[in-house]
Amino acid sequence: MKDRYQYGKEPVYCYTQESDEILVVGNNDKIYLLSERLSASKYSYQSPIAFVDETIFDEFYAEIGDNNPKAIVTSYDFQGMSEFLEAYAYTPVYSTGSYQIYMQSQEN
């Protein structure tokens, strides 16, 4: 049986190149390692640290807004993520039972 993280890793290969930075929402750094992609944020994981210090949310969203991750992998609606995805025109391109991968439209 495949590790559940494998399902997040494989499509990342299809939608990104090794030089692309991605964002994995939550606390799933294993996907960065398995996919051989770097984080688009110094906060490679946001949970639970952002819930301890609410100012981290502002810094985190400003940083990823500036860095434009090629793909965003998420398994749940992290605080403010739906609004970020909409504001920066990310759309879903792949979904499993556990993960969704979003890519920014080509127009941005």
PDB file of N, CA and C in Angstrom:
ATOM      1  N   MET A   1       0.841  -1.187   0.000  1.00  0.00           N
ATOM      2  CA  MET A   1       0.000   0.000   0.000  1.00  0.00           C
ATOM      3  C   MET A   1       0.884   1.248   0.000  1.00  0.00           C
ATOM      4  N   LYS A   2       0.510   2.199  -0.831  1.00  0.00           N
ATOM      5  CA  LYS A   2       1.285   3.423  -0.914  1.00  0.00           C
ATOM      6  C   LYS A   2       1.092   4.282   0.318  1.00  0.00           C
ATOM      7  N   ASP A   3       2.175   4.936   0.711  1.00  0.00           N
ATOM      8  CA  ASP A   3       2.119   5.945   1.761  1.00  0.00           C
ATOM      9  C   ASP A   3       1.179   7.053   1.273  1.00  0.00           C
ATOM     10  N   ARG A   4       0.347   7.588   2.154  1.00  0.00           N
ATOM     11  CA  ARG A   4      -0.614   8.608   1.726  1.00  0.00           C
ATOM     12  C   ARG A   4       0.071   9.849   1.162  1.00  0.00           C
ATOM     13  N   TYR A   5       1.317  10.092   1.534  1.00  0.00           N
ATOM     14  CA  TYR A   5       2.035  11.248   1.011  1.00  0.00           C
ATOM     15  C   TYR A   5       2.450  11.052  -0.437  1.00  0.00           C
ATOM     16  N   GLN A   6       2.580   9.798  -0.871  1.00  0.00           N
ATOM     17  CA  GLN A   6       2.915   9.526  -2.260  1.00  0.00           C
ATOM     18  C   GLN A   6       1.884  10.158  -3.188  1.00  0.00           C
ATOM     19  N   TYR A   7       0.623  10.173  -2.763  1.00  0.00           N
ATOM     20  CA  TYR A   7      -0.434  10.721  -3.597  1.00  0.00           C
ATOM     21  C   TYR A   7      -0.295  12.228  -3.774  1.00  0.00           C
ATOM     22  N   GLY A   8       0.332  12.906  -2.846  1.00  0.00           N
ATOM     23  CA  GLY A   8       0.610  14.329  -2.997  1.00  0.00           C
ATOM     24  C   GLY A   8       1.839  14.570  -3.840  1.00  0.00           C
ATOM     25  N   LYS A   9       2.777  13.651  -3.789  1.00  0.00           N
ATOM     26  CA  LYS A   9       4.051  13.796  -4.493  1.00  0.00           C
ATOM     27  C   LYS A   9       3.923  13.599  -5.993  1.00  0.00           C
ATOM     28  N   GLU A  10       3.274  12.532  -6.417  1.00  0.00           N
ATOM     29  CA  GLU A  10       3.264  12.159  -7.832  1.00  0.00           C
ATOM     30  C   GLU A  10       2.715  13.245  -8.753  1.00  0.00           C
ATOM     31  N   PRO A  11       1.550  13.833  -8.443  1.00  0.00           N
ATOM     32  CA  PRO A  11       1.071  14.886  -9.335  1.00  0.00           C
ATOM     33  C   PRO A  11       1.938  16.139  -9.314  1.00  0.00           C
ATOM     34  N   VAL A  12       2.650  16.371  -8.222  1.00  0.00           N
ATOM     35  CA  VAL A  12       3.548  17.527  -8.174  1.00  0.00           C
ATOM     36  C   VAL A  12       4.594  17.398  -9.276  1.00  0.00           C
ATOM     37  N   TYR A  13       5.073  16.187  -9.538  1.00  0.00           N
ATOM     38  CA  TYR A  13       6.010  15.950 -10.643  1.00  0.00           C
ATOM     39  C   TYR A  13       5.392  16.336 -11.981  1.00  0.00           C
ATOM     40  N   CYS A  14       4.114  16.035 -12.171  1.00  0.00           N
ATOM     41  CA  CYS A  14       3.440  16.295 -13.447  1.00  0.00           C
ATOM     42  C   CYS A  14       3.231  17.775 -13.708  1.00  0.00           C
ATOM     43  N   TYR A  15       2.981  18.543 -12.662  1.00  0.00           N
ATOM     44  CA  TYR A  15       2.600  19.939 -12.825  1.00  0.00           C
ATOM     45  C   TYR A  15       3.723  20.931 -12.570  1.00  0.00           C
ATOM     46  N   THR A  16       4.866  20.465 -12.092  1.00  0.00           N
ATOM     47  CA  THR A  16       5.970  21.372 -11.787  1.00  0.00           C
ATOM     48  C   THR A  16       7.286  20.803 -12.288  1.00  0.00           C
ATOM     49  N   GLN A  17       8.281  21.676 -12.312  1.00  0.00           N
ATOM     50  CA  GLN A  17       9.640  21.252 -12.620  1.00  0.00           C
ATOM     51  C   GLN A  17      10.463  21.330 -11.344  1.00  0.00           C
ATOM     52  N   GLU A  18      11.591  20.674 -11.331  1.00  0.00           N
ATOM     53  CA  GLU A  18      12.409  20.617 -10.120  1.00  0.00           C
ATOM     54  C   GLU A  18      12.799  22.003  -9.614  1.00  0.00           C
ATOM     55  N   SER A  19      12.934  22.969 -10.499  1.00  0.00           N
ATOM     56  CA  SER A  19      13.331  24.322 -10.093  1.00  0.00           C
ATOM     57  C   SER A  19      12.164  25.144  -9.547  1.00  0.00           C
ATOM     58  N   ASP A  20      10.939  24.658  -9.680  1.00  0.00           N
ATOM     59  CA  ASP A  20       9.762  25.383  -9.198  1.00  0.00           C
ATOM     60  C   ASP A  20       9.625  25.278  -7.684  1.00  0.00           C
ATOM     61  N   GLU A  21       9.219  26.383  -7.077  1.00  0.00           N
ATOM     62  CA  GLU A  21       8.886  26.369  -5.659  1.00  0.00           C
ATOM     63  C   GLU A  21       7.396  26.094  -5.517  1.00  0.00           C
ATOM     64  N   ILE A  22       7.047  25.305  -4.510  1.00  0.00           N
ATOM     65  CA  ILE A  22       5.657  24.962  -4.266  1.00  0.00           C
ATOM     66  C   ILE A  22       5.298  25.331  -2.831  1.00  0.00           C
ATOM     67  N   LEU A  23       4.026  25.232  -2.523  1.00  0.00           N
ATOM     68  CA  LEU A  23       3.573  25.431  -1.153  1.00  0.00           C
ATOM     69  C   LEU A  23       2.740  24.233  -0.762  1.00  0.00           C
ATOM     70  N   VAL A  24       3.076  23.633   0.360  1.00  0.00           N
ATOM     71  CA  VAL A  24       2.275  22.551   0.932  1.00  0.00           C
ATOM     72  C   VAL A  24       1.636  23.127   2.189  1.00  0.00           C
ATOM     73  N   VAL A  25       0.316  23.190   2.188  1.00  0.00           N
ATOM     74  CA  VAL A  25      -0.422  23.825   3.274  1.00  0.00           C
ATOM     75  C   VAL A  25      -0.568  22.865   4.444  1.00  0.00           C
ATOM     76  N   GLY A  26      -0.340  23.383   5.641  1.00  0.00           N
ATOM     77  CA  GLY A  26      -0.493  22.585   6.850  1.00  0.00           C
ATOM     78  C   GLY A  26       0.843  22.147   7.396  1.00  0.00           C
ATOM     79  N   ASN A  27       0.956  20.879   7.684  1.00  0.00           N
ATOM     80  CA  ASN A  27       2.175  20.323   8.271  1.00  0.00           C
ATOM     81  C   ASN A  27       2.491  19.006   7.580  1.00  0.00           C
ATOM     82  N   ASN A  28       2.850  19.094   6.289  1.00  0.00           N
ATOM     83  CA  ASN A  28       3.135  17.918   5.469  1.00  0.00           C
ATOM     84  C   ASN A  28       4.448  18.083   4.707  1.00  0.00           C
ATOM     85  N   ASP A  29       5.506  18.463   5.412  1.00  0.00           N
ATOM     86  CA  ASP A  29       6.792  18.709   4.766  1.00  0.00           C
ATOM     87  C   ASP A  29       7.320  17.506   3.989  1.00  0.00           C
ATOM     88  N   LYS A  30       6.832  16.341   4.295  1.00  0.00           N
ATOM     89  CA  LYS A  30       7.284  15.140   3.591  1.00  0.00           C
ATOM     90  C   LYS A  30       7.061  15.264   2.080  1.00  0.00           C
ATOM     91  N   ILE A  31       6.038  15.988   1.674  1.00  0.00           N
ATOM     92  CA  ILE A  31       5.769  16.159   0.236  1.00  0.00           C
ATOM     93  C   ILE A  31       6.899  16.933  -0.428  1.00  0.00           C
ATOM     94  N   TYR A  32       7.470  17.931   0.249  1.00  0.00           N
ATOM     95  CA  TYR A  32       8.618  18.649  -0.315  1.00  0.00           C
ATOM     96  C   TYR A  32       9.769  17.677  -0.569  1.00  0.00           C
ATOM     97  N   LEU A  33      10.046  16.853   0.405  1.00  0.00           N
ATOM     98  CA  LEU A  33      11.161  15.907   0.288  1.00  0.00           C
ATOM     99  C   LEU A  33      10.919  14.882  -0.810  1.00  0.00           C
ATOM    100  N   LEU A  34       9.732  14.300  -0.827  1.00  0.00           N
ATOM    101  CA  LEU A  34       9.434  13.275  -1.830  1.00  0.00           C
ATOM    102  C   LEU A  34       9.382  13.837  -3.253  1.00  0.00           C
ATOM    103  N   SER A  35       8.887  15.049  -3.396  1.00  0.00           N
ATOM    104  CA  SER A  35       8.763  15.641  -4.734  1.00  0.00           C
ATOM    105  C   SER A  35      10.021  16.374  -5.177  1.00  0.00           C
ATOM    106  N   GLU A  36      10.978  16.533  -4.268  1.00  0.00           N
ATOM    107  CA  GLU A  36      12.222  17.240  -4.545  1.00  0.00           C
ATOM    108  C   GLU A  36      11.966  18.675  -5.000  1.00  0.00           C
ATOM    109  N   ARG A  37      11.014  19.325  -4.327  1.00  0.00           N
ATOM    110  CA  ARG A  37      10.687  20.722  -4.603  1.00  0.00           C
ATOM    111  C   ARG A  37      10.908  21.543  -3.339  1.00  0.00           C
ATOM    112  N   LEU A  38      11.280  22.804  -3.534  1.00  0.00           N
ATOM    113  CA  LEU A  38      11.503  23.706  -2.402  1.00  0.00           C
ATOM    114  C   LEU A  38      10.229  24.442  -2.032  1.00  0.00           C
ATOM    115  N   SER A  39      10.169  24.868  -0.789  1.00  0.00           N
ATOM    116  CA  SER A  39       9.034  25.631  -0.298  1.00  0.00           C
ATOM    117  C   SER A  39       9.117  27.076  -0.786  1.00  0.00           C
ATOM    118  N   ALA A  40       7.969  27.647  -1.141  1.00  0.00           N
ATOM    119  CA  ALA A  40       7.900  29.050  -1.548  1.00  0.00           C
ATOM    120  C   ALA A  40       7.838  29.981  -0.339  1.00  0.00           C
ATOM    121  N   SER A  41       7.923  29.421   0.855  1.00  0.00           N
ATOM    122  CA  SER A  41       7.840  30.211   2.080  1.00  0.00           C
ATOM    123  C   SER A  41       8.844  29.703   3.105  1.00  0.00           C
ATOM    124  N   LYS A  42       9.327  30.613   3.937  1.00  0.00           N
ATOM    125  CA  LYS A  42      10.173  30.152   5.033  1.00  0.00           C
ATOM    126  C   LYS A  42       9.362  29.323   6.014  1.00  0.00           C
ATOM    127  N   TYR A  43       8.035  29.474   5.950  1.00  0.00           N
ATOM    128  CA  TYR A  43       7.141  28.658   6.756  1.00  0.00           C
ATOM    129  C   TYR A  43       6.753  27.427   5.944  1.00  0.00           C
ATOM    130  N   SER A  44       7.647  26.456   5.889  1.00  0.00           N
ATOM    131  CA  SER A  44       7.347  25.244   5.121  1.00  0.00           C
ATOM    132  C   SER A  44       6.168  24.507   5.725  1.00  0.00           C
ATOM    133  N   TYR A  45       5.942  24.689   6.984  1.00  0.00           N
ATOM    134  CA  TYR A  45       4.710  24.210   7.617  1.00  0.00           C
ATOM    135  C   TYR A  45       4.137  25.370   8.416  1.00  0.00           C
ATOM    136  N   GLN A  46       2.813  25.467   8.442  1.00  0.00           N
ATOM    137  CA  GLN A  46       2.175  26.615   9.076  1.00  0.00           C
ATOM    138  C   GLN A  46       1.387  26.221  10.318  1.00  0.00           C
ATOM    139  N   SER A  47       1.103  24.966  10.453  1.00  0.00           N
ATOM    140  CA  SER A  47       0.302  24.494  11.577  1.00  0.00           C
ATOM    141  C   SER A  47       1.195  23.640  12.463  1.00  0.00           C
ATOM    142  N   PRO A  48       1.323  23.948  13.697  1.00  0.00           N
ATOM    143  CA  PRO A  48       0.518  24.809  14.557  1.00  0.00           C
ATOM    144  C   PRO A  48       1.103  26.198  14.803  1.00  0.00           C
ATOM    145  N   ILE A  49       2.270  26.525  14.230  1.00  0.00           N
ATOM    146  CA  ILE A  49       2.931  27.777  14.628  1.00  0.00           C
ATOM    147  C   ILE A  49       2.091  29.022  14.359  1.00  0.00           C
ATOM    148  N   ALA A  50       1.352  29.049  13.264  1.00  0.00           N
ATOM    149  CA  ALA A  50       0.554  30.231  12.948  1.00  0.00           C
ATOM    150  C   ALA A  50      -0.603  30.401  13.931  1.00  0.00           C
ATOM    151  N   PHE A  51      -1.020  29.306  14.536  1.00  0.00           N
ATOM    152  CA  PHE A  51      -2.104  29.404  15.507  1.00  0.00           C
ATOM    153  C   PHE A  51      -1.597  29.870  16.874  1.00  0.00           C
ATOM    154  N   VAL A  52      -0.300  29.777  17.097  1.00  0.00           N
ATOM    155  CA  VAL A  52       0.304  30.257  18.335  1.00  0.00           C
ATOM    156  C   VAL A  52       0.528  31.766  18.251  1.00  0.00           C
ATOM    157  N   ASP A  53       0.955  32.236  17.066  1.00  0.00           N
ATOM    158  CA  ASP A  53       1.212  33.659  16.856  1.00  0.00           C
ATOM    159  C   ASP A  53       0.460  34.103  15.609  1.00  0.00           C
ATOM    160  N   GLU A  54      -0.676  34.751  15.779  1.00  0.00           N
ATOM    161  CA  GLU A  54      -1.554  35.143  14.669  1.00  0.00           C
ATOM    162  C   GLU A  54      -0.858  36.055  13.652  1.00  0.00           C
ATOM    163  N   THR A  55       0.187  36.808  14.045  1.00  0.00           N
ATOM    164  CA  THR A  55       0.870  37.689  13.094  1.00  0.00           C
ATOM    165  C   THR A  55       1.590  36.893  12.015  1.00  0.00           C
ATOM    166  N   ILE A  56       1.849  35.633  12.278  1.00  0.00           N
ATOM    167  CA  ILE A  56       2.503  34.779  11.281  1.00  0.00           C
ATOM    168  C   ILE A  56       1.618  34.613  10.053  1.00  0.00           C
ATOM    169  N   PHE A  57       0.302  34.589  10.231  1.00  0.00           N
ATOM    170  CA  PHE A  57      -0.602  34.491   9.077  1.00  0.00           C
ATOM    171  C   PHE A  57      -0.362  35.629   8.098  1.00  0.00           C
ATOM    172  N   ASP A  58      -0.278  36.858   8.601  1.00  0.00           N
ATOM    173  CA  ASP A  58      -0.065  38.016   7.725  1.00  0.00           C
ATOM    174  C   ASP A  58       1.265  37.904   6.990  1.00  0.00           C
ATOM    175  N   GLU A  59       2.305  37.562   7.722  1.00  0.00           N
ATOM    176  CA  GLU A  59       3.629  37.429   7.121  1.00  0.00           C
ATOM    177  C   GLU A  59       3.649  36.300   6.086  1.00  0.00           C
ATOM    178  N   PHE A  60       3.035  35.195   6.438  1.00  0.00           N
ATOM    179  CA  PHE A  60       2.981  34.036   5.549  1.00  0.00           C
ATOM    180  C   PHE A  60       2.275  34.374   4.235  1.00  0.00           C
ATOM    181  N   TYR A  61       1.104  34.975   4.303  1.00  0.00           N
ATOM    182  CA  TYR A  61       0.356  35.289   3.081  1.00  0.00           C
ATOM    183  C   TYR A  61       1.046  36.367   2.249  1.00  0.00           C
ATOM    184  N   ALA A  62       1.690  37.340   2.880  1.00  0.00           N
ATOM    185  CA  ALA A  62       2.453  38.352   2.142  1.00  0.00           C
ATOM    186  C   ALA A  62       3.614  37.695   1.400  1.00  0.00           C
ATOM    187  N   GLU A  63       4.304  36.783   2.085  1.00  0.00           N
ATOM    188  CA  GLU A  63       5.459  36.117   1.474  1.00  0.00           C
ATOM    189  C   GLU A  63       5.047  35.258   0.282  1.00  0.00           C
ATOM    190  N   ILE A  64       4.012  34.455   0.425  1.00  0.00           N
ATOM    191  CA  ILE A  64       3.639  33.605  -0.719  1.00  0.00           C
ATOM    192  C   ILE A  64       2.994  34.421  -1.833  1.00  0.00           C
ATOM    193  N   GLY A  65       2.376  35.551  -1.487  1.00  0.00           N
ATOM    194  CA  GLY A  65       1.875  36.449  -2.525  1.00  0.00           C
ATOM    195  C   GLY A  65       3.013  37.008  -3.368  1.00  0.00           C
ATOM    196  N   ASP A  66       4.123  37.314  -2.725  1.00  0.00           N
ATOM    197  CA  ASP A  66       5.310  37.816  -3.431  1.00  0.00           C
ATOM    198  C   ASP A  66       6.028  36.713  -4.201  1.00  0.00           C
ATOM    199  N   ASN A  67       6.063  35.507  -3.649  1.00  0.00           N
ATOM    200  CA  ASN A  67       6.849  34.410  -4.233  1.00  0.00           C
ATOM    201  C   ASN A  67       6.120  33.609  -5.298  1.00  0.00           C
ATOM    202  N   ASN A  68       4.809  33.741  -5.401  1.00  0.00           N
ATOM    203  CA  ASN A  68       4.049  33.050  -6.438  1.00  0.00           C
ATOM    204  C   ASN A  68       4.403  31.568  -6.581  1.00  0.00           C
ATOM    205  N   PRO A  69       4.054  30.738  -5.619  1.00  0.00           N
ATOM    206  CA  PRO A  69       4.366  29.319  -5.771  1.00  0.00           C
ATOM    207  C   PRO A  69       3.741  28.751  -7.034  1.00  0.00           C
ATOM    208  N   LYS A  70       4.479  27.900  -7.711  1.00  0.00           N
ATOM    209  CA  LYS A  70       3.987  27.280  -8.948  1.00  0.00           C
ATOM    210  C   LYS A  70       2.751  26.430  -8.659  1.00  0.00           C
ATOM    211  N   ALA A  71       2.770  25.713  -7.552  1.00  0.00           N
ATOM    212  CA  ALA A  71       1.642  24.862  -7.167  1.00  0.00           C
ATOM    213  C   ALA A  71       1.414  24.984  -5.670  1.00  0.00           C
ATOM    214  N   ILE A  72       0.160  24.820  -5.283  1.00  0.00           N
ATOM    215  CA  ILE A  72      -0.204  24.796  -3.868  1.00  0.00           C
ATOM    216  C   ILE A  72      -0.910  23.479  -3.601  1.00  0.00           C
ATOM    217  N   VAL A  73      -0.359  22.723  -2.648  1.00  0.00           N
ATOM    218  CA  VAL A  73      -0.923  21.433  -2.262  1.00  0.00           C
ATOM    219  C   VAL A  73      -1.606  21.619  -0.917  1.00  0.00           C
ATOM    220  N   THR A  74      -2.860  21.263  -0.836  1.00  0.00           N
ATOM    221  CA  THR A  74      -3.593  21.440   0.412  1.00  0.00           C
ATOM    222  C   THR A  74      -4.499  20.248   0.676  1.00  0.00           C
ATOM    223  N   SER A  75      -4.707  19.982   1.938  1.00  0.00           N
ATOM    224  CA  SER A  75      -5.587  18.873   2.306  1.00  0.00           C
ATOM    225  C   SER A  75      -6.801  19.354   3.084  1.00  0.00           C
ATOM    226  N   TYR A  76      -6.850  20.639   3.378  1.00  0.00           N
ATOM    227  CA  TYR A  76      -7.984  21.209   4.096  1.00  0.00           C
ATOM    228  C   TYR A  76      -7.978  22.713   3.902  1.00  0.00           C
ATOM    229  N   ASP A  77      -9.055  23.363   4.278  1.00  0.00           N
ATOM    230  CA  ASP A  77      -9.157  24.810   4.122  1.00  0.00           C
ATOM    231  C   ASP A  77      -8.457  25.506   5.282  1.00  0.00           C
ATOM    232  N   PHE A  78      -7.184  25.738   5.114  1.00  0.00           N
ATOM    233  CA  PHE A  78      -6.371  26.439   6.095  1.00  0.00           C
ATOM    234  C   PHE A  78      -6.874  27.874   6.200  1.00  0.00           C
ATOM    235  N   GLN A  79      -6.779  28.444   7.370  1.00  0.00           N
ATOM    236  CA  GLN A  79      -7.301  29.786   7.631  1.00  0.00           C
ATOM    237  C   GLN A  79      -6.842  30.795   6.577  1.00  0.00           C
ATOM    238  N   GLY A  80      -7.788  31.305   5.796  1.00  0.00           N
ATOM    239  CA  GLY A  80      -7.484  32.316   4.790  1.00  0.00           C
ATOM    240  C   GLY A  80      -7.046  31.777   3.447  1.00  0.00           C
ATOM    241  N   MET A  81      -6.821  30.469   3.316  1.00  0.00           N
ATOM    242  CA  MET A  81      -6.290  29.924   2.067  1.00  0.00           C
ATOM    243  C   MET A  81      -7.288  30.039   0.922  1.00  0.00           C
ATOM    244  N   SER A  82      -8.560  29.800   1.164  1.00  0.00           N
ATOM    245  CA  SER A  82      -9.557  29.913   0.085  1.00  0.00           C
ATOM    246  C   SER A  82      -9.546  31.313  -0.515  1.00  0.00           C
ATOM    247  N   GLU A  83      -9.471  32.314   0.332  1.00  0.00           N
ATOM    248  CA  GLU A  83      -9.431  33.696  -0.138  1.00  0.00           C
ATOM    249  C   GLU A  83      -8.155  33.974  -0.924  1.00  0.00           C
ATOM    250  N   PHE A  84      -7.039  33.434  -0.453  1.00  0.00           N
ATOM    251  CA  PHE A  84      -5.769  33.618  -1.168  1.00  0.00           C
ATOM    252  C   PHE A  84      -5.840  32.974  -2.549  1.00  0.00           C
ATOM    253  N   LEU A  85      -6.324  31.741  -2.623  1.00  0.00           N
ATOM    254  CA  LEU A  85      -6.417  31.033  -3.904  1.00  0.00           C
ATOM    255  C   LEU A  85      -7.271  31.810  -4.899  1.00  0.00           C
ATOM    256  N   GLU A  86      -8.362  32.361  -4.420  1.00  0.00           N
ATOM    257  CA  GLU A  86      -9.243  33.137  -5.295  1.00  0.00           C
ATOM    258  C   GLU A  86      -8.593  34.453  -5.710  1.00  0.00           C
ATOM    259  N   ALA A  87      -7.995  35.166  -4.768  1.00  0.00           N
ATOM    260  CA  ALA A  87      -7.385  36.468  -5.055  1.00  0.00           C
ATOM    261  C   ALA A  87      -6.234  36.360  -6.051  1.00  0.00           C
ATOM    262  N   TYR A  88      -5.497  35.252  -6.013  1.00  0.00           N
ATOM    263  CA  TYR A  88      -4.343  35.081  -6.893  1.00  0.00           C
ATOM    264  C   TYR A  88      -4.637  34.142  -8.067  1.00  0.00           C
ATOM    265  N   ALA A  89      -5.906  33.866  -8.298  1.00  0.00           N
ATOM    266  CA  ALA A  89      -6.376  33.099  -9.461  1.00  0.00           C
ATOM    267  C   ALA A  89      -5.777  31.699  -9.550  1.00  0.00           C
ATOM    268  N   TYR A  90      -5.708  31.009  -8.416  1.00  0.00           N
ATOM    269  CA  TYR A  90      -5.316  29.601  -8.425  1.00  0.00           C
ATOM    270  C   TYR A  90      -6.560  28.756  -8.650  1.00  0.00           C
ATOM    271  N   THR A  91      -6.435  27.740  -9.469  1.00  0.00           N
ATOM    272  CA  THR A  91      -7.565  26.848  -9.736  1.00  0.00           C
ATOM    273  C   THR A  91      -7.131  25.405  -9.498  1.00  0.00           C
ATOM    274  N   PRO A  92      -8.061  24.545  -9.102  1.00  0.00           N
ATOM    275  CA  PRO A  92      -7.707  23.144  -8.862  1.00  0.00           C
ATOM    276  C   PRO A  92      -7.369  22.434 -10.172  1.00  0.00           C
ATOM    277  N   VAL A  93      -6.287  21.659 -10.142  1.00  0.00           N
ATOM    278  CA  VAL A  93      -5.895  20.889 -11.322  1.00  0.00           C
ATOM    279  C   VAL A  93      -5.842  19.391 -11.047  1.00  0.00           C
ATOM    280  N   TYR A  94      -5.847  19.025  -9.760  1.00  0.00           N
ATOM    281  CA  TYR A  94      -5.745  17.611  -9.407  1.00  0.00           C
ATOM    282  C   TYR A  94      -6.318  17.417  -8.007  1.00  0.00           C
ATOM    283  N   SER A  95      -6.995  16.293  -7.825  1.00  0.00           N
ATOM    284  CA  SER A  95      -7.559  16.016  -6.515  1.00  0.00           C
ATOM    285  C   SER A  95      -7.534  14.515  -6.245  1.00  0.00           C
ATOM    286  N   THR A  96      -7.174  14.168  -5.041  1.00  0.00           N
ATOM    287  CA  THR A  96      -7.304  12.798  -4.561  1.00  0.00           C
ATOM    288  C   THR A  96      -8.270  12.870  -3.393  1.00  0.00           C
ATOM    289  N   GLY A  97      -8.463  11.784  -2.719  1.00  0.00           N
ATOM    290  CA  GLY A  97      -9.295  11.832  -1.526  1.00  0.00           C
ATOM    291  C   GLY A  97      -8.665  12.637  -0.414  1.00  0.00           C
ATOM    292  N   SER A  98      -7.333  12.810  -0.472  1.00  0.00           N
ATOM    293  CA  SER A  98      -6.611  13.476   0.611  1.00  0.00           C
ATOM    294  C   SER A  98      -6.088  14.861   0.264  1.00  0.00           C
ATOM    295  N   TYR A  99      -5.719  15.097  -0.981  1.00  0.00           N
ATOM    296  CA  TYR A  99      -5.048  16.328  -1.368  1.00  0.00           C
ATOM    297  C   TYR A  99      -5.669  16.957  -2.593  1.00  0.00           C
ATOM    298  N   GLN A 100      -5.536  18.284  -2.674  1.00  0.00           N
ATOM    299  CA  GLN A 100      -5.880  19.029  -3.874  1.00  0.00           C
ATOM    300  C   GLN A 100      -4.649  19.823  -4.277  1.00  0.00           C
ATOM    301  N   ILE A 101      -4.430  19.918  -5.582  1.00  0.00           N
ATOM    302  CA  ILE A 101      -3.325  20.722  -6.089  1.00  0.00           C
ATOM    303  C   ILE A 101      -3.927  21.856  -6.911  1.00  0.00           C
ATOM    304  N   TYR A 102      -3.468  23.064  -6.615  1.00  0.00           N
ATOM    305  CA  TYR A 102      -3.927  24.266  -7.301  1.00  0.00           C
ATOM    306  C   TYR A 102      -2.762  24.868  -8.072  1.00  0.00           C
ATOM    307  N   MET A 103      -3.061  25.398  -9.249  1.00  0.00           N
ATOM    308  CA  MET A 103      -2.075  26.098 -10.057  1.00  0.00           C
ATOM    309  C   MET A 103      -2.627  27.477 -10.393  1.00  0.00           C
ATOM    310  N   GLN A 104      -1.725  28.424 -10.554  1.00  0.00           N
ATOM    311  CA  GLN A 104      -2.148  29.761 -10.921  1.00  0.00           C
ATOM    312  C   GLN A 104      -2.444  29.791 -12.410  1.00  0.00           C
ATOM    313  N   SER A 105      -3.484  30.523 -12.806  1.00  0.00           N
ATOM    314  CA  SER A 105      -3.827  30.612 -14.225  1.00  0.00           C
ATOM    315  C   SER A 105      -2.664  31.246 -14.982  1.00  0.00           C
ATOM    316  N   GLN A 106      -2.561  30.922 -16.253  1.00  0.00           N
ATOM    317  CA  GLN A 106      -1.459  31.413 -17.087  1.00  0.00           C
ATOM    318  C   GLN A 106      -1.471  32.925 -17.273  1.00  0.00           C
ATOM    319  N   GLU A 107      -2.601  33.556 -17.013  1.00  0.00           N
ATOM    320  CA  GLU A 107      -2.732  34.997 -17.219  1.00  0.00           C
ATOM    321  C   GLU A 107      -1.977  35.803 -16.175  1.00  0.00           C
ATOM    322  N   ASN A 108      -1.632  35.188 -15.036  1.00  0.00           N
ATOM    323  CA  ASN A 108      -0.961  35.913 -13.950  1.00  0.00           C
ATOM    324  C   ASN A 108       0.529  35.742 -14.012  1.00  0.00           C
TER     325      ASN A 108
END
